Amino acid sequence: MPWVLYILLCDQKTYYVGITSNLPQRLKSHRAKYNPATKRFSDIQLIYTEQYKTRTEIEIREKQIKDWSIAKKKALVEGKYSQLKRLSKTRS
């Protein structure tokens, strides 16, 4: 069963990072306001995904990205890998 790491943009300002094995159902859950972390947001957009084969792999990646700054998450989502690398070195 493939696992998906996803990033949501909530109300055009907040990034939410999560994992699931059923992305359509998970997005439906977020938009129906069943998730405590995203229920206060009115606009929820899926902006990024990565796929993994095992839950262990994806949990490691999720923790890594959740610890990142907003600038690093934004660089990842926008595909700006040189900027992401530079931000990683400066620990922004």
C-alpha atoms as a PDB file:
ATOM      1  CA  MET A   1       0.000   0.000   0.000  1.00  0.00           C
ATOM      2  CA  PRO A   2       1.575   3.345  -1.018  1.00  0.00           C
ATOM      3  CA  TRP A   3       1.773   6.162   1.490  1.00  0.00           C
ATOM      4  CA  VAL A   4       1.474   9.839   0.598  1.00  0.00           C
ATOM      5  CA  LEU A   5       3.055  12.798   2.341  1.00  0.00           C
ATOM      6  CA  TYR A   6       1.059  15.923   1.561  1.00  0.00           C
ATOM      7  CA  ILE A   7       1.235  19.633   2.240  1.00  0.00           C
ATOM      8  CA  LEU A   8      -1.865  21.772   2.454  1.00  0.00           C
ATOM      9  CA  LEU A   9      -1.974  25.550   2.184  1.00  0.00           C
ATOM     10  CA  CYS A  10      -4.590  26.739   4.635  1.00  0.00           C
ATOM     11  CA  ASP A  11      -6.168  30.185   4.230  1.00  0.00           C
ATOM     12  CA  GLN A  12      -3.292  31.195   1.922  1.00  0.00           C
ATOM     13  CA  LYS A  13      -0.857  31.484   4.861  1.00  0.00           C
ATOM     14  CA  THR A  14      -0.373  28.290   6.871  1.00  0.00           C
ATOM     15  CA  TYR A  15       1.264  25.031   5.797  1.00  0.00           C
ATOM     16  CA  TYR A  16      -0.060  21.751   7.154  1.00  0.00           C
ATOM     17  CA  VAL A  17       2.048  18.604   6.633  1.00  0.00           C
ATOM     18  CA  GLY A  18       0.446  15.181   6.919  1.00  0.00           C
ATOM     19  CA  ILE A  19       0.591  11.564   5.777  1.00  0.00           C
ATOM     20  CA  THR A  20      -2.060   9.139   4.600  1.00  0.00           C
ATOM     21  CA  SER A  21      -2.646   5.965   2.645  1.00  0.00           C
ATOM     22  CA  ASN A  22      -5.880   7.386   1.157  1.00  0.00           C
ATOM     23  CA  LEU A  23      -5.364  10.957  -0.028  1.00  0.00           C
ATOM     24  CA  PRO A  24      -8.861  11.620  -1.467  1.00  0.00           C
ATOM     25  CA  GLN A  25     -10.505  10.502   1.778  1.00  0.00           C
ATOM     26  CA  ARG A  26      -8.039  12.480   3.888  1.00  0.00           C
ATOM     27  CA  LEU A  27      -8.642  15.673   1.912  1.00  0.00           C
ATOM     28  CA  LYS A  28     -12.384  15.178   2.268  1.00  0.00           C
ATOM     29  CA  SER A  29     -11.869  14.843   6.023  1.00  0.00           C
ATOM     30  CA  HIS A  30      -9.857  18.089   6.195  1.00  0.00           C
ATOM     31  CA  ARG A  31     -12.402  20.013   4.136  1.00  0.00           C
ATOM     32  CA  ALA A  32     -15.279  18.672   6.259  1.00  0.00           C
ATOM     33  CA  LYS A  33     -13.463  20.076   9.319  1.00  0.00           C
ATOM     34  CA  TYR A  34     -12.978  16.690  11.022  1.00  0.00           C
ATOM     35  CA  ASN A  35      -9.270  17.315  11.639  1.00  0.00           C
ATOM     36  CA  PRO A  36      -8.610  19.427  14.775  1.00  0.00           C
ATOM     37  CA  ALA A  37      -5.464  20.971  13.258  1.00  0.00           C
ATOM     38  CA  THR A  38      -7.200  22.289  10.135  1.00  0.00           C
ATOM     39  CA  LYS A  39     -10.830  22.756  11.149  1.00  0.00           C
ATOM     40  CA  ARG A  40     -10.438  26.492  11.772  1.00  0.00           C
ATOM     41  CA  PHE A  41      -9.417  27.135   8.152  1.00  0.00           C
ATOM     42  CA  SER A  42     -11.981  27.942   5.463  1.00  0.00           C
ATOM     43  CA  ASP A  43      -9.707  27.564   2.407  1.00  0.00           C
ATOM     44  CA  ILE A  44      -7.675  24.328   2.235  1.00  0.00           C
ATOM     45  CA  GLN A  45      -5.637  23.589  -0.895  1.00  0.00           C
ATOM     46  CA  LEU A  46      -3.472  20.562  -1.662  1.00  0.00           C
ATOM     47  CA  ILE A  47      -0.179  22.001  -2.932  1.00  0.00           C
ATOM     48  CA  TYR A  48       2.422  19.202  -2.673  1.00  0.00           C
ATOM     49  CA  THR A  49       2.727  15.402  -2.469  1.00  0.00           C
ATOM     50  CA  GLU A  50       5.438  12.730  -2.224  1.00  0.00           C
ATOM     51  CA  GLN A  51       4.878   8.958  -2.307  1.00  0.00           C
ATOM     52  CA  TYR A  52       6.597   6.296  -0.177  1.00  0.00           C
ATOM     53  CA  LYS A  53       6.326   2.528   0.068  1.00  0.00           C
ATOM     54  CA  THR A  54       6.514   2.149   3.844  1.00  0.00           C
ATOM     55  CA  ARG A  55       5.014   3.953   6.791  1.00  0.00           C
ATOM     56  CA  THR A  56       8.421   4.073   8.489  1.00  0.00           C
ATOM     57  CA  GLU A  57       9.987   5.968   5.572  1.00  0.00           C
ATOM     58  CA  ILE A  58       7.173   8.469   5.351  1.00  0.00           C
ATOM     59  CA  GLU A  59       7.077   9.144   9.098  1.00  0.00           C
ATOM     60  CA  ILE A  60      10.774  10.074   9.014  1.00  0.00           C
ATOM     61  CA  ARG A  61      10.184  12.434   6.084  1.00  0.00           C
ATOM     62  CA  GLU A  62       7.082  13.956   7.719  1.00  0.00           C
ATOM     63  CA  LYS A  63       9.010  14.751  10.897  1.00  0.00           C
ATOM     64  CA  GLN A  64      11.821  16.298   8.859  1.00  0.00           C
ATOM     65  CA  ILE A  65       9.513  18.618   6.931  1.00  0.00           C
ATOM     66  CA  LYS A  66       7.416  19.536   9.977  1.00  0.00           C
ATOM     67  CA  ASP A  67      10.603  20.780  11.659  1.00  0.00           C
ATOM     68  CA  TRP A  68      11.402  23.072   8.713  1.00  0.00           C
ATOM     69  CA  SER A  69      10.828  26.805   8.584  1.00  0.00           C
ATOM     70  CA  ILE A  70       8.056  28.270   6.466  1.00  0.00           C
ATOM     71  CA  ALA A  71      10.687  29.463   3.974  1.00  0.00           C
ATOM     72  CA  LYS A  72      12.034  25.921   3.513  1.00  0.00           C
ATOM     73  CA  LYS A  73       8.544  24.456   3.069  1.00  0.00           C
ATOM     74  CA  LYS A  74       7.739  27.136   0.523  1.00  0.00           C
ATOM     75  CA  ALA A  75      10.959  26.440  -1.413  1.00  0.00           C
ATOM     76  CA  LEU A  76      10.130  22.706  -1.486  1.00  0.00           C
ATOM     77  CA  VAL A  77       6.577  23.306  -2.711  1.00  0.00           C
ATOM     78  CA  GLU A  78       7.777  25.731  -5.393  1.00  0.00           C
ATOM     79  CA  GLY A  79      10.530  23.360  -6.559  1.00  0.00           C
ATOM     80  CA  LYS A  80      13.287  25.834  -5.714  1.00  0.00           C
ATOM     81  CA  TYR A  81      15.856  23.219  -4.743  1.00  0.00           C
ATOM     82  CA  SER A  82      18.897  25.510  -4.811  1.00  0.00           C
ATOM     83  CA  GLN A  83      17.121  27.874  -2.414  1.00  0.00           C
ATOM     84  CA  LEU A  84      16.097  24.910  -0.257  1.00  0.00           C
ATOM     85  CA  LYS A  85      19.709  23.776  -0.103  1.00  0.00           C
ATOM     86  CA  ARG A  86      20.871  27.278   0.854  1.00  0.00           C
ATOM     87  CA  LEU A  87      18.199  27.561   3.552  1.00  0.00           C
ATOM     88  CA  SER A  88      19.285  24.198   4.934  1.00  0.00           C
ATOM     89  CA  LYS A  89      22.842  25.454   5.321  1.00  0.00           C
ATOM     90  CA  THR A  90      21.771  28.671   7.088  1.00  0.00           C
ATOM     91  CA  ARG A  91      19.258  26.800   9.298  1.00  0.00           C
ATOM     92  CA  SER A  92      16.515  29.343   8.551  1.00  0.00           C
END
